[in-house]
Amino acid sequence: MISYLKGELAEVKENYVVIEVGNIGYEVYLPSSSIMELPSRGSNIKIYTYLHVREDAIGLFGFLTKDDLEMFKLLITVNGIGPKGAVGILSAISADDIRFAVLAEDAKLIAKAPGVGNKTAGKLILELKDKFKLETAFEQRFINQEEKQAGSGIHGIQEFQRKKEEAVQALTVLGYSASESLKIVNQVEITEDMTSEEILKKCLKKM
């Protein structure tokens, strides 16, 4: 098993890269969203990998974070979703958004991924809903945001997300389920200048 590759980014193609490690070039398939985040050719990078072996093919799939790799491993456990399908989903939807979509039972969001219809999206939610917890999802999103070391504007985005998360948590304390809470917070119109209490009041009115 190859846990990760650390070497020079030799080539960048539409859906894969070549990483040179010890004079050997490894062809690694990446989500398109990850390819867009890569540094320039010639840079040294670290890619977390998953080696997929079939009777007729061997494929190496790579991810910029451990979280994306773990989400990939979960996705391929869903009946009907193979490695390339999982990469396609992660190209269109972040690992964080997948977790919250599953918790909110938001099949429409998952169905936006290429090659994923409503039936597959529903199956994904059914098979993965017991794998995630609301508190853990919030914690992981915070960790991912910190790791990105984003530039300008990220603090405002994090603050906005924090207010929404506080409203969701407050609704769960009041007895609503995690899926109900996420659905209602996503449905109400929220502006960045609103406080957590104002968001909660709007949610309760809609409930």
N, C-alpha and C. Protein backbone atom coordinates (compact mmCIF):
# COMPACT_ATOMS: atom_id res chain seq x y z
N MET A 1 0.85 -1.19 0.00
CA MET A 1 0.00 0.00 0.00
C MET A 1 0.88 1.24 0.00
N ILE A 2 0.56 2.19 -0.87
CA ILE A 2 1.29 3.46 -0.94
C ILE A 2 0.47 4.51 -0.20
N SER A 3 0.94 4.94 0.97
CA SER A 3 0.18 5.90 1.78
C SER A 3 0.23 7.31 1.20
N TYR A 4 1.41 7.69 0.73
CA TYR A 4 1.53 9.02 0.11
C TYR A 4 2.78 9.06 -0.76
N LEU A 5 2.82 10.06 -1.64
CA LEU A 5 3.99 10.32 -2.47
C LEU A 5 4.48 11.72 -2.18
N LYS A 6 5.77 11.86 -2.07
CA LYS A 6 6.36 13.17 -1.82
C LYS A 6 7.49 13.36 -2.83
N GLY A 7 7.32 14.29 -3.75
CA GLY A 7 8.32 14.48 -4.78
C GLY A 7 8.00 15.67 -5.66
N GLU A 8 8.59 15.68 -6.84
CA GLU A 8 8.45 16.83 -7.74
C GLU A 8 7.22 16.67 -8.64
N LEU A 9 6.48 17.75 -8.77
CA LEU A 9 5.32 17.77 -9.65
C LEU A 9 5.84 17.92 -11.08
N ALA A 10 5.91 16.81 -11.80
CA ALA A 10 6.55 16.79 -13.12
C ALA A 10 5.59 17.19 -14.23
N GLU A 11 4.34 16.72 -14.16
CA GLU A 11 3.36 17.02 -15.20
C GLU A 11 1.99 17.25 -14.57
N VAL A 12 1.21 18.10 -15.21
CA VAL A 12 -0.17 18.34 -14.78
C VAL A 12 -1.08 18.22 -15.98
N LYS A 13 -1.98 17.25 -15.96
CA LYS A 13 -2.93 17.04 -17.04
C LYS A 13 -4.33 17.38 -16.54
N GLU A 14 -5.33 17.11 -17.39
CA GLU A 14 -6.71 17.49 -17.05
C GLU A 14 -7.23 16.76 -15.83
N ASN A 15 -6.94 15.47 -15.70
CA ASN A 15 -7.49 14.71 -14.58
C ASN A 15 -6.44 13.89 -13.83
N TYR A 16 -5.17 14.11 -14.14
CA TYR A 16 -4.12 13.41 -13.40
C TYR A 16 -2.83 14.21 -13.42
N VAL A 17 -1.92 13.83 -12.53
CA VAL A 17 -0.60 14.46 -12.48
C VAL A 17 0.46 13.36 -12.50
N VAL A 18 1.68 13.76 -12.78
CA VAL A 18 2.81 12.84 -12.68
C VAL A 18 3.75 13.41 -11.62
N ILE A 19 4.03 12.59 -10.62
CA ILE A 19 4.93 12.99 -9.54
C ILE A 19 6.19 12.15 -9.63
N GLU A 20 7.30 12.83 -9.70
CA GLU A 20 8.58 12.12 -9.79
C GLU A 20 9.16 11.90 -8.41
N VAL A 21 9.36 10.63 -8.07
CA VAL A 21 9.93 10.25 -6.77
C VAL A 21 11.06 9.26 -7.04
N GLY A 22 12.28 9.65 -6.70
CA GLY A 22 13.42 8.75 -6.91
C GLY A 22 13.58 8.33 -8.35
N ASN A 23 13.46 9.30 -9.29
CA ASN A 23 13.61 9.06 -10.73
C ASN A 23 12.53 8.15 -11.33
N ILE A 24 11.43 7.99 -10.60
CA ILE A 24 10.27 7.23 -11.11
C ILE A 24 9.08 8.18 -11.16
N GLY A 25 8.38 8.20 -12.30
CA GLY A 25 7.21 9.06 -12.44
C GLY A 25 5.93 8.29 -12.15
N TYR A 26 5.19 8.73 -11.14
CA TYR A 26 3.93 8.08 -10.76
C TYR A 26 2.76 8.88 -11.32
N GLU A 27 1.90 8.20 -12.09
CA GLU A 27 0.69 8.82 -12.62
C GLU A 27 -0.42 8.70 -11.58
N VAL A 28 -0.92 9.84 -11.13
CA VAL A 28 -1.90 9.85 -10.04
C VAL A 28 -3.14 10.63 -10.48
N TYR A 29 -4.31 10.00 -10.37
CA TYR A 29 -5.57 10.66 -10.69
C TYR A 29 -6.04 11.50 -9.51
N LEU A 30 -6.38 12.77 -9.78
CA LEU A 30 -6.81 13.69 -8.74
C LEU A 30 -8.16 14.29 -9.08
N PRO A 31 -8.94 14.70 -8.07
CA PRO A 31 -10.15 15.48 -8.34
C PRO A 31 -9.75 16.77 -9.05
N SER A 32 -10.58 17.24 -9.97
CA SER A 32 -10.25 18.46 -10.71
C SER A 32 -10.11 19.66 -9.78
N SER A 33 -10.88 19.67 -8.69
CA SER A 33 -10.76 20.77 -7.73
C SER A 33 -9.39 20.81 -7.08
N SER A 34 -8.79 19.64 -6.87
CA SER A 34 -7.45 19.57 -6.29
C SER A 34 -6.39 19.98 -7.30
N ILE A 35 -6.59 19.62 -8.56
CA ILE A 35 -5.64 19.99 -9.60
C ILE A 35 -5.54 21.51 -9.71
N MET A 36 -6.66 22.19 -9.53
CA MET A 36 -6.67 23.65 -9.60
C MET A 36 -5.89 24.29 -8.46
N GLU A 37 -5.72 23.58 -7.37
CA GLU A 37 -5.02 24.11 -6.21
C GLU A 37 -3.53 23.80 -6.21
N LEU A 38 -3.06 23.06 -7.19
CA LEU A 38 -1.66 22.64 -7.20
C LEU A 38 -0.72 23.81 -7.46
N PRO A 39 0.50 23.72 -6.93
CA PRO A 39 1.51 24.74 -7.23
C PRO A 39 2.04 24.55 -8.65
N SER A 40 2.99 25.35 -9.06
CA SER A 40 3.52 25.27 -10.42
C SER A 40 4.35 24.00 -10.61
N ARG A 41 4.51 23.59 -11.86
CA ARG A 41 5.32 22.42 -12.17
C ARG A 41 6.74 22.62 -11.66
N GLY A 42 7.33 21.54 -11.19
CA GLY A 42 8.67 21.61 -10.64
C GLY A 42 8.68 21.77 -9.13
N SER A 43 7.50 22.08 -8.56
CA SER A 43 7.41 22.24 -7.11
C SER A 43 7.41 20.87 -6.42
N ASN A 44 7.84 20.85 -5.19
CA ASN A 44 7.77 19.62 -4.39
C ASN A 44 6.43 19.58 -3.68
N ILE A 45 5.73 18.46 -3.81
CA ILE A 45 4.41 18.34 -3.20
C ILE A 45 4.28 16.98 -2.51
N LYS A 46 3.24 16.89 -1.67
CA LYS A 46 2.91 15.65 -0.99
C LYS A 46 1.47 15.30 -1.32
N ILE A 47 1.26 14.10 -1.83
CA ILE A 47 -0.08 13.64 -2.22
C ILE A 47 -0.42 12.37 -1.45
N TYR A 48 -1.56 12.37 -0.76
CA TYR A 48 -2.04 11.16 -0.09
C TYR A 48 -2.70 10.27 -1.14
N THR A 49 -2.40 8.98 -1.12
CA THR A 49 -2.81 8.12 -2.23
C THR A 49 -3.60 6.89 -1.80
N TYR A 50 -4.34 6.38 -2.78
CA TYR A 50 -5.08 5.13 -2.63
C TYR A 50 -4.81 4.29 -3.87
N LEU A 51 -4.30 3.09 -3.68
CA LEU A 51 -4.00 2.19 -4.78
C LEU A 51 -5.18 1.26 -5.01
N HIS A 52 -5.78 1.38 -6.18
CA HIS A 52 -6.94 0.55 -6.52
C HIS A 52 -6.51 -0.53 -7.50
N VAL A 53 -6.72 -1.78 -7.13
CA VAL A 53 -6.27 -2.91 -7.96
C VAL A 53 -7.47 -3.72 -8.42
N ARG A 54 -7.56 -3.90 -9.74
CA ARG A 54 -8.57 -4.78 -10.33
C ARG A 54 -7.86 -5.85 -11.16
N GLU A 55 -8.62 -6.79 -11.65
CA GLU A 55 -8.03 -7.85 -12.46
C GLU A 55 -7.41 -7.29 -13.75
N ASP A 56 -8.05 -6.24 -14.29
CA ASP A 56 -7.61 -5.72 -15.58
C ASP A 56 -6.92 -4.35 -15.50
N ALA A 57 -6.78 -3.79 -14.30
CA ALA A 57 -6.17 -2.45 -14.21
C ALA A 57 -5.71 -2.15 -12.79
N ILE A 58 -4.72 -1.25 -12.72
CA ILE A 58 -4.25 -0.73 -11.45
C ILE A 58 -4.26 0.79 -11.55
N GLY A 59 -4.86 1.45 -10.59
CA GLY A 59 -4.94 2.91 -10.62
C GLY A 59 -4.52 3.51 -9.29
N LEU A 60 -3.81 4.63 -9.38
CA LEU A 60 -3.37 5.34 -8.18
C LEU A 60 -4.13 6.65 -8.10
N PHE A 61 -4.88 6.84 -7.03
CA PHE A 61 -5.71 8.03 -6.85
C PHE A 61 -5.12 8.89 -5.73
N GLY A 62 -5.06 10.19 -5.96
CA GLY A 62 -4.39 11.06 -4.99
C GLY A 62 -5.25 12.21 -4.49
N PHE A 63 -4.87 12.71 -3.30
CA PHE A 63 -5.64 13.77 -2.64
C PHE A 63 -4.69 14.70 -1.88
N LEU A 64 -5.06 15.95 -1.79
CA LEU A 64 -4.20 16.93 -1.13
C LEU A 64 -4.30 16.86 0.39
N THR A 65 -5.39 16.29 0.90
CA THR A 65 -5.57 16.19 2.35
C THR A 65 -5.97 14.77 2.74
N LYS A 66 -5.69 14.44 3.98
CA LYS A 66 -6.12 13.13 4.50
C LYS A 66 -7.64 13.04 4.56
N ASP A 67 -8.28 14.18 4.81
CA ASP A 67 -9.74 14.19 4.90
C ASP A 67 -10.36 13.80 3.56
N ASP A 68 -9.82 14.33 2.46
CA ASP A 68 -10.33 13.97 1.14
C ASP A 68 -10.11 12.48 0.87
N LEU A 69 -8.96 11.97 1.28
CA LEU A 69 -8.67 10.54 1.10
C LEU A 69 -9.66 9.68 1.88
N GLU A 70 -9.93 10.05 3.13
CA GLU A 70 -10.87 9.27 3.94
C GLU A 70 -12.28 9.34 3.37
N MET A 71 -12.66 10.51 2.84
CA MET A 71 -13.98 10.63 2.22
C MET A 71 -14.06 9.76 0.98
N PHE A 72 -13.00 9.73 0.20
CA PHE A 72 -12.92 8.87 -0.99
C PHE A 72 -13.14 7.41 -0.61
N LYS A 73 -12.47 6.97 0.46
CA LYS A 73 -12.59 5.59 0.91
C LYS A 73 -14.04 5.26 1.32
N LEU A 74 -14.72 6.23 1.91
CA LEU A 74 -16.12 6.02 2.28
C LEU A 74 -17.01 5.95 1.03
N LEU A 75 -16.76 6.84 0.09
CA LEU A 75 -17.59 6.89 -1.11
C LEU A 75 -17.54 5.59 -1.91
N ILE A 76 -16.36 4.99 -1.99
CA ILE A 76 -16.25 3.76 -2.80
C ILE A 76 -16.85 2.55 -2.10
N THR A 77 -17.26 2.70 -0.83
CA THR A 77 -17.98 1.61 -0.17
C THR A 77 -19.46 1.60 -0.57
N VAL A 78 -19.92 2.71 -1.16
CA VAL A 78 -21.32 2.79 -1.58
C VAL A 78 -21.51 1.96 -2.85
N ASN A 79 -22.48 1.11 -2.83
CA ASN A 79 -22.76 0.24 -3.98
C ASN A 79 -23.05 1.07 -5.22
N GLY A 80 -22.28 0.85 -6.28
CA GLY A 80 -22.49 1.58 -7.53
C GLY A 80 -21.55 2.74 -7.75
N ILE A 81 -20.74 3.07 -6.73
CA ILE A 81 -19.78 4.17 -6.87
C ILE A 81 -18.37 3.59 -6.85
N GLY A 82 -17.69 3.69 -7.98
CA GLY A 82 -16.32 3.22 -8.07
C GLY A 82 -15.33 4.35 -7.81
N PRO A 83 -14.03 4.06 -7.91
CA PRO A 83 -13.01 5.08 -7.65
C PRO A 83 -13.15 6.33 -8.53
N LYS A 84 -13.39 6.13 -9.83
CA LYS A 84 -13.51 7.30 -10.71
C LYS A 84 -14.78 8.08 -10.40
N GLY A 85 -15.84 7.38 -10.03
CA GLY A 85 -17.07 8.07 -9.63
C GLY A 85 -16.86 8.88 -8.36
N ALA A 86 -16.11 8.31 -7.40
CA ALA A 86 -15.83 9.01 -6.15
C ALA A 86 -14.98 10.25 -6.40
N VAL A 87 -14.00 10.14 -7.30
CA VAL A 87 -13.18 11.29 -7.66
C VAL A 87 -14.04 12.38 -8.31
N GLY A 88 -15.00 11.94 -9.14
CA GLY A 88 -15.90 12.90 -9.77
C GLY A 88 -16.74 13.65 -8.76
N ILE A 89 -17.20 12.94 -7.73
CA ILE A 89 -17.99 13.58 -6.68
C ILE A 89 -17.14 14.60 -5.93
N LEU A 90 -15.92 14.22 -5.58
CA LEU A 90 -15.03 15.12 -4.85
C LEU A 90 -14.54 16.27 -5.73
N SER A 91 -14.64 16.13 -7.04
CA SER A 91 -14.31 17.23 -7.95
C SER A 91 -15.37 18.31 -7.89
N ALA A 92 -16.62 17.89 -7.64
CA ALA A 92 -17.75 18.82 -7.66
C ALA A 92 -18.17 19.29 -6.27
N ILE A 93 -17.95 18.44 -5.26
CA ILE A 93 -18.41 18.74 -3.90
C ILE A 93 -17.28 18.46 -2.92
N SER A 94 -17.02 19.39 -2.02
CA SER A 94 -15.95 19.18 -1.04
C SER A 94 -16.35 18.11 -0.03
N ALA A 95 -15.36 17.55 0.65
CA ALA A 95 -15.63 16.54 1.68
C ALA A 95 -16.54 17.11 2.76
N ASP A 96 -16.32 18.37 3.13
CA ASP A 96 -17.17 19.00 4.14
C ASP A 96 -18.62 19.07 3.67
N ASP A 97 -18.83 19.51 2.43
CA ASP A 97 -20.19 19.64 1.91
C ASP A 97 -20.87 18.28 1.76
N ILE A 98 -20.09 17.26 1.44
CA ILE A 98 -20.67 15.91 1.36
C ILE A 98 -21.19 15.48 2.72
N ARG A 99 -20.38 15.72 3.77
CA ARG A 99 -20.82 15.34 5.12
C ARG A 99 -22.12 16.04 5.50
N PHE A 100 -22.18 17.34 5.27
CA PHE A 100 -23.38 18.09 5.67
C PHE A 100 -24.57 17.75 4.78
N ALA A 101 -24.31 17.44 3.51
CA ALA A 101 -25.40 17.02 2.62
C ALA A 101 -25.99 15.69 3.08
N VAL A 102 -25.14 14.77 3.51
CA VAL A 102 -25.61 13.48 4.02
C VAL A 102 -26.41 13.68 5.30
N LEU A 103 -25.88 14.50 6.21
CA LEU A 103 -26.57 14.75 7.48
C LEU A 103 -27.92 15.44 7.26
N ALA A 104 -27.98 16.32 6.26
CA ALA A 104 -29.22 17.03 5.97
C ALA A 104 -30.11 16.28 5.00
N GLU A 105 -29.63 15.11 4.55
CA GLU A 105 -30.35 14.29 3.56
C GLU A 105 -30.67 15.12 2.31
N ASP A 106 -29.67 15.89 1.87
CA ASP A 106 -29.80 16.78 0.72
C ASP A 106 -29.34 16.05 -0.54
N ALA A 107 -30.22 15.24 -1.09
CA ALA A 107 -29.88 14.46 -2.28
C ALA A 107 -29.65 15.35 -3.50
N LYS A 108 -30.33 16.50 -3.55
CA LYS A 108 -30.19 17.39 -4.71
C LYS A 108 -28.76 17.89 -4.86
N LEU A 109 -28.12 18.22 -3.75
CA LEU A 109 -26.75 18.71 -3.81
C LEU A 109 -25.80 17.62 -4.31
N ILE A 110 -25.95 16.42 -3.77
CA ILE A 110 -25.08 15.32 -4.17
C ILE A 110 -25.32 14.94 -5.63
N ALA A 111 -26.56 15.05 -6.09
CA ALA A 111 -26.90 14.70 -7.47
C ALA A 111 -26.30 15.67 -8.48
N LYS A 112 -25.78 16.80 -8.01
CA LYS A 112 -25.14 17.76 -8.92
C LYS A 112 -23.79 17.26 -9.42
N ALA A 113 -23.22 16.28 -8.72
CA ALA A 113 -21.92 15.73 -9.14
C ALA A 113 -22.10 14.98 -10.45
N PRO A 114 -21.10 15.02 -11.33
CA PRO A 114 -21.23 14.34 -12.62
C PRO A 114 -21.40 12.83 -12.48
N GLY A 115 -22.38 12.29 -13.21
CA GLY A 115 -22.61 10.86 -13.19
C GLY A 115 -23.40 10.36 -12.00
N VAL A 116 -23.87 11.28 -11.17
CA VAL A 116 -24.64 10.90 -9.97
C VAL A 116 -26.08 11.37 -10.13
N GLY A 117 -27.00 10.44 -10.23
CA GLY A 117 -28.40 10.80 -10.32
C GLY A 117 -29.06 10.81 -8.96
N ASN A 118 -30.35 11.08 -8.94
CA ASN A 118 -31.08 11.13 -7.66
C ASN A 118 -31.08 9.79 -6.95
N LYS A 119 -31.16 8.70 -7.73
CA LYS A 119 -31.19 7.37 -7.12
C LYS A 119 -29.87 7.07 -6.42
N THR A 120 -28.75 7.34 -7.10
CA THR A 120 -27.44 7.11 -6.50
C THR A 120 -27.21 8.02 -5.31
N ALA A 121 -27.66 9.27 -5.42
CA ALA A 121 -27.51 10.21 -4.31
C ALA A 121 -28.27 9.73 -3.08
N GLY A 122 -29.48 9.22 -3.30
CA GLY A 122 -30.26 8.69 -2.19
C GLY A 122 -29.62 7.48 -1.56
N LYS A 123 -29.03 6.63 -2.40
CA LYS A 123 -28.34 5.44 -1.90
C LYS A 123 -27.11 5.84 -1.08
N LEU A 124 -26.39 6.86 -1.57
CA LEU A 124 -25.20 7.35 -0.85
C LEU A 124 -25.58 7.84 0.55
N ILE A 125 -26.66 8.61 0.62
CA ILE A 125 -27.11 9.13 1.91
C ILE A 125 -27.52 7.99 2.84
N LEU A 126 -28.25 7.03 2.31
CA LEU A 126 -28.72 5.90 3.11
C LEU A 126 -27.56 5.10 3.69
N GLU A 127 -26.51 4.88 2.87
CA GLU A 127 -25.41 4.02 3.29
C GLU A 127 -24.36 4.75 4.15
N LEU A 128 -24.34 6.08 4.08
CA LEU A 128 -23.31 6.82 4.82
C LEU A 128 -23.84 7.64 6.00
N LYS A 129 -25.17 7.72 6.15
CA LYS A 129 -25.71 8.62 7.17
C LYS A 129 -25.29 8.24 8.59
N ASP A 130 -24.99 6.95 8.81
CA ASP A 130 -24.56 6.53 10.15
C ASP A 130 -23.06 6.71 10.36
N LYS A 131 -22.35 7.15 9.33
CA LYS A 131 -20.90 7.33 9.42
C LYS A 131 -20.51 8.70 9.95
N PHE A 132 -21.45 9.66 9.93
CA PHE A 132 -21.13 11.04 10.30
C PHE A 132 -21.94 11.49 11.52
N LYS A 133 -21.34 12.38 12.30
CA LYS A 133 -22.02 13.03 13.41
C LYS A 133 -21.90 14.53 13.24
N LEU A 134 -22.92 15.25 13.64
CA LEU A 134 -22.97 16.70 13.43
C LEU A 134 -21.78 17.41 14.07
N GLU A 135 -21.48 17.06 15.33
CA GLU A 135 -20.38 17.72 16.03
C GLU A 135 -19.04 17.48 15.34
N THR A 136 -18.82 16.24 14.91
CA THR A 136 -17.57 15.89 14.23
C THR A 136 -17.46 16.60 12.89
N ALA A 137 -18.59 16.75 12.19
CA ALA A 137 -18.59 17.45 10.91
C ALA A 137 -18.17 18.90 11.07
N PHE A 138 -18.67 19.54 12.12
CA PHE A 138 -18.28 20.93 12.39
C PHE A 138 -16.79 21.02 12.71
N GLU A 139 -16.32 20.11 13.54
CA GLU A 139 -14.91 20.12 13.93
C GLU A 139 -14.00 19.92 12.73
N GLN A 140 -14.36 18.99 11.87
CA GLN A 140 -13.52 18.70 10.70
C GLN A 140 -13.50 19.87 9.74
N ARG A 141 -14.64 20.54 9.57
CA ARG A 141 -14.66 21.69 8.68
C ARG A 141 -13.75 22.79 9.20
N PHE A 142 -13.75 23.01 10.51
CA PHE A 142 -12.88 24.02 11.10
C PHE A 142 -11.41 23.65 10.85
N ILE A 143 -11.08 22.38 11.04
CA ILE A 143 -9.70 21.92 10.81
C ILE A 143 -9.30 22.14 9.35
N ASN A 144 -10.20 21.82 8.43
CA ASN A 144 -9.91 21.98 7.01
C ASN A 144 -9.70 23.45 6.65
N GLN A 145 -10.51 24.31 7.24
CA GLN A 145 -10.37 25.75 6.96
C GLN A 145 -9.03 26.27 7.47
N GLU A 146 -8.62 25.79 8.63
CA GLU A 146 -7.34 26.21 9.18
C GLU A 146 -6.18 25.74 8.31
N GLU A 147 -6.27 24.50 7.81
CA GLU A 147 -5.19 23.93 7.02
C GLU A 147 -5.02 24.61 5.68
N LYS A 148 -6.07 25.17 5.15
CA LYS A 148 -5.98 25.79 3.83
C LYS A 148 -5.13 27.06 3.85
N GLN A 149 -5.01 27.68 5.02
CA GLN A 149 -4.23 28.91 5.15
C GLN A 149 -4.65 29.91 4.08
N ALA A 150 -5.95 30.10 3.99
CA ALA A 150 -6.49 30.94 2.92
C ALA A 150 -6.11 32.40 3.13
N GLY A 151 -6.24 33.16 2.04
CA GLY A 151 -5.87 34.56 2.08
C GLY A 151 -7.00 35.45 2.54
N SER A 152 -7.15 36.56 1.88
CA SER A 152 -8.10 37.59 2.30
C SER A 152 -9.52 37.07 2.24
N GLY A 153 -10.32 37.49 3.22
CA GLY A 153 -11.74 37.19 3.23
C GLY A 153 -12.10 35.91 3.96
N ILE A 154 -11.13 35.08 4.29
CA ILE A 154 -11.47 33.81 4.90
C ILE A 154 -12.04 33.97 6.30
N HIS A 155 -11.58 34.98 7.02
CA HIS A 155 -12.09 35.16 8.39
C HIS A 155 -13.58 35.46 8.37
N GLY A 156 -14.00 36.32 7.43
CA GLY A 156 -15.42 36.64 7.35
C GLY A 156 -16.26 35.42 7.01
N ILE A 157 -15.74 34.57 6.13
CA ILE A 157 -16.45 33.35 5.76
C ILE A 157 -16.57 32.42 6.95
N GLN A 158 -15.47 32.28 7.71
CA GLN A 158 -15.48 31.41 8.88
C GLN A 158 -16.47 31.91 9.93
N GLU A 159 -16.53 33.24 10.11
CA GLU A 159 -17.44 33.82 11.10
C GLU A 159 -18.89 33.57 10.69
N PHE A 160 -19.17 33.72 9.41
CA PHE A 160 -20.51 33.48 8.89
C PHE A 160 -20.92 32.02 9.10
N GLN A 161 -19.99 31.10 8.80
CA GLN A 161 -20.27 29.68 9.00
C GLN A 161 -20.48 29.35 10.47
N ARG A 162 -19.68 30.02 11.33
CA ARG A 162 -19.80 29.77 12.77
C ARG A 162 -21.20 30.12 13.26
N LYS A 163 -21.75 31.24 12.79
CA LYS A 163 -23.08 31.65 13.22
C LYS A 163 -24.13 30.63 12.78
N LYS A 164 -24.00 30.14 11.57
CA LYS A 164 -24.94 29.13 11.08
C LYS A 164 -24.84 27.85 11.91
N GLU A 165 -23.60 27.48 12.24
CA GLU A 165 -23.39 26.26 13.02
C GLU A 165 -23.98 26.40 14.42
N GLU A 166 -23.85 27.57 15.00
CA GLU A 166 -24.42 27.80 16.33
C GLU A 166 -25.94 27.68 16.28
N ALA A 167 -26.54 28.16 15.20
CA ALA A 167 -27.99 28.05 15.06
C ALA A 167 -28.41 26.59 14.93
N VAL A 168 -27.65 25.82 14.16
CA VAL A 168 -27.94 24.38 14.01
C VAL A 168 -27.84 23.68 15.36
N GLN A 169 -26.78 23.97 16.08
CA GLN A 169 -26.57 23.33 17.38
C GLN A 169 -27.68 23.71 18.36
N ALA A 170 -28.12 24.97 18.30
CA ALA A 170 -29.20 25.42 19.18
C ALA A 170 -30.49 24.67 18.87
N LEU A 171 -30.77 24.45 17.61
CA LEU A 171 -31.98 23.73 17.22
C LEU A 171 -31.93 22.28 17.69
N THR A 172 -30.75 21.67 17.62
CA THR A 172 -30.64 20.28 18.10
C THR A 172 -30.84 20.21 19.61
N VAL A 173 -30.38 21.23 20.33
CA VAL A 173 -30.59 21.28 21.78
C VAL A 173 -32.09 21.39 22.09
N LEU A 174 -32.82 22.08 21.21
CA LEU A 174 -34.26 22.25 21.40
C LEU A 174 -35.05 20.99 21.04
N GLY A 175 -34.34 19.98 20.54
CA GLY A 175 -35.01 18.72 20.28
C GLY A 175 -35.19 18.34 18.83
N TYR A 176 -34.78 19.21 17.92
CA TYR A 176 -34.87 18.87 16.50
C TYR A 176 -33.71 17.97 16.11
N SER A 177 -33.92 17.13 15.11
CA SER A 177 -32.85 16.24 14.67
C SER A 177 -31.80 17.03 13.90
N ALA A 178 -30.62 16.43 13.72
CA ALA A 178 -29.54 17.09 12.99
C ALA A 178 -29.96 17.39 11.56
N SER A 179 -30.64 16.43 10.91
CA SER A 179 -31.05 16.64 9.52
C SER A 179 -32.09 17.75 9.42
N GLU A 180 -33.06 17.77 10.35
CA GLU A 180 -34.07 18.83 10.34
C GLU A 180 -33.41 20.20 10.56
N SER A 181 -32.47 20.27 11.48
CA SER A 181 -31.81 21.53 11.81
C SER A 181 -31.02 22.07 10.63
N LEU A 182 -30.26 21.19 9.98
CA LEU A 182 -29.47 21.61 8.83
C LEU A 182 -30.36 22.07 7.68
N LYS A 183 -31.43 21.34 7.45
CA LYS A 183 -32.35 21.69 6.36
C LYS A 183 -32.93 23.08 6.56
N ILE A 184 -33.39 23.36 7.76
CA ILE A 184 -34.07 24.63 8.01
C ILE A 184 -33.10 25.80 7.96
N VAL A 185 -31.88 25.62 8.47
CA VAL A 185 -30.88 26.70 8.42
C VAL A 185 -30.50 26.99 6.97
N ASN A 186 -30.43 25.97 6.14
CA ASN A 186 -30.09 26.16 4.73
C ASN A 186 -31.23 26.80 3.94
N GLN A 187 -32.45 26.69 4.47
CA GLN A 187 -33.61 27.22 3.74
C GLN A 187 -33.89 28.68 4.04
N VAL A 188 -33.55 29.14 5.23
CA VAL A 188 -33.86 30.53 5.58
C VAL A 188 -32.85 31.48 4.94
N GLU A 189 -33.29 32.69 4.68
CA GLU A 189 -32.40 33.70 4.08
C GLU A 189 -31.55 34.32 5.20
N ILE A 190 -30.24 34.19 5.07
CA ILE A 190 -29.31 34.66 6.10
C ILE A 190 -28.31 35.63 5.49
N THR A 191 -28.08 36.73 6.17
CA THR A 191 -27.07 37.70 5.74
C THR A 191 -25.90 37.69 6.73
N GLU A 192 -24.75 38.15 6.28
CA GLU A 192 -23.55 38.08 7.10
C GLU A 192 -23.61 38.96 8.34
N ASP A 193 -24.46 39.99 8.32
CA ASP A 193 -24.53 40.89 9.47
C ASP A 193 -25.48 40.40 10.56
N MET A 194 -26.16 39.28 10.32
CA MET A 194 -27.09 38.74 11.31
C MET A 194 -26.34 38.04 12.43
N THR A 195 -26.86 38.10 13.64
CA THR A 195 -26.28 37.39 14.77
C THR A 195 -26.82 35.96 14.81
N SER A 196 -26.19 35.12 15.63
CA SER A 196 -26.64 33.74 15.76
C SER A 196 -28.07 33.69 16.28
N GLU A 197 -28.40 34.61 17.21
CA GLU A 197 -29.74 34.64 17.79
C GLU A 197 -30.78 35.01 16.74
N GLU A 198 -30.44 35.95 15.87
CA GLU A 198 -31.38 36.36 14.81
C GLU A 198 -31.61 35.22 13.82
N ILE A 199 -30.54 34.49 13.50
CA ILE A 199 -30.67 33.35 12.61
C ILE A 199 -31.58 32.29 13.23
N LEU A 200 -31.38 32.05 14.54
CA LEU A 200 -32.18 31.04 15.24
C LEU A 200 -33.65 31.44 15.25
N LYS A 201 -33.95 32.72 15.48
CA LYS A 201 -35.34 33.20 15.50
C LYS A 201 -36.00 32.98 14.14
N LYS A 202 -35.27 33.27 13.06
CA LYS A 202 -35.84 33.07 11.72
C LYS A 202 -36.12 31.59 11.47
N CYS A 203 -35.21 30.74 11.95
CA CYS A 203 -35.39 29.30 11.78
C CYS A 203 -36.62 28.81 12.53
N LEU A 204 -36.78 29.29 13.75
CA LEU A 204 -37.90 28.84 14.58
C LEU A 204 -39.24 29.30 13.97
N LYS A 205 -39.25 30.51 13.39
CA LYS A 205 -40.47 30.99 12.73
C LYS A 205 -40.83 30.08 11.55
N LYS A 206 -39.82 29.69 10.81
CA LYS A 206 -40.07 28.83 9.65
C LYS A 206 -40.49 27.43 10.07
N MET A 207 -39.94 26.96 11.22
CA MET A 207 -40.32 25.65 11.73
C MET A 207 -41.81 25.65 12.07
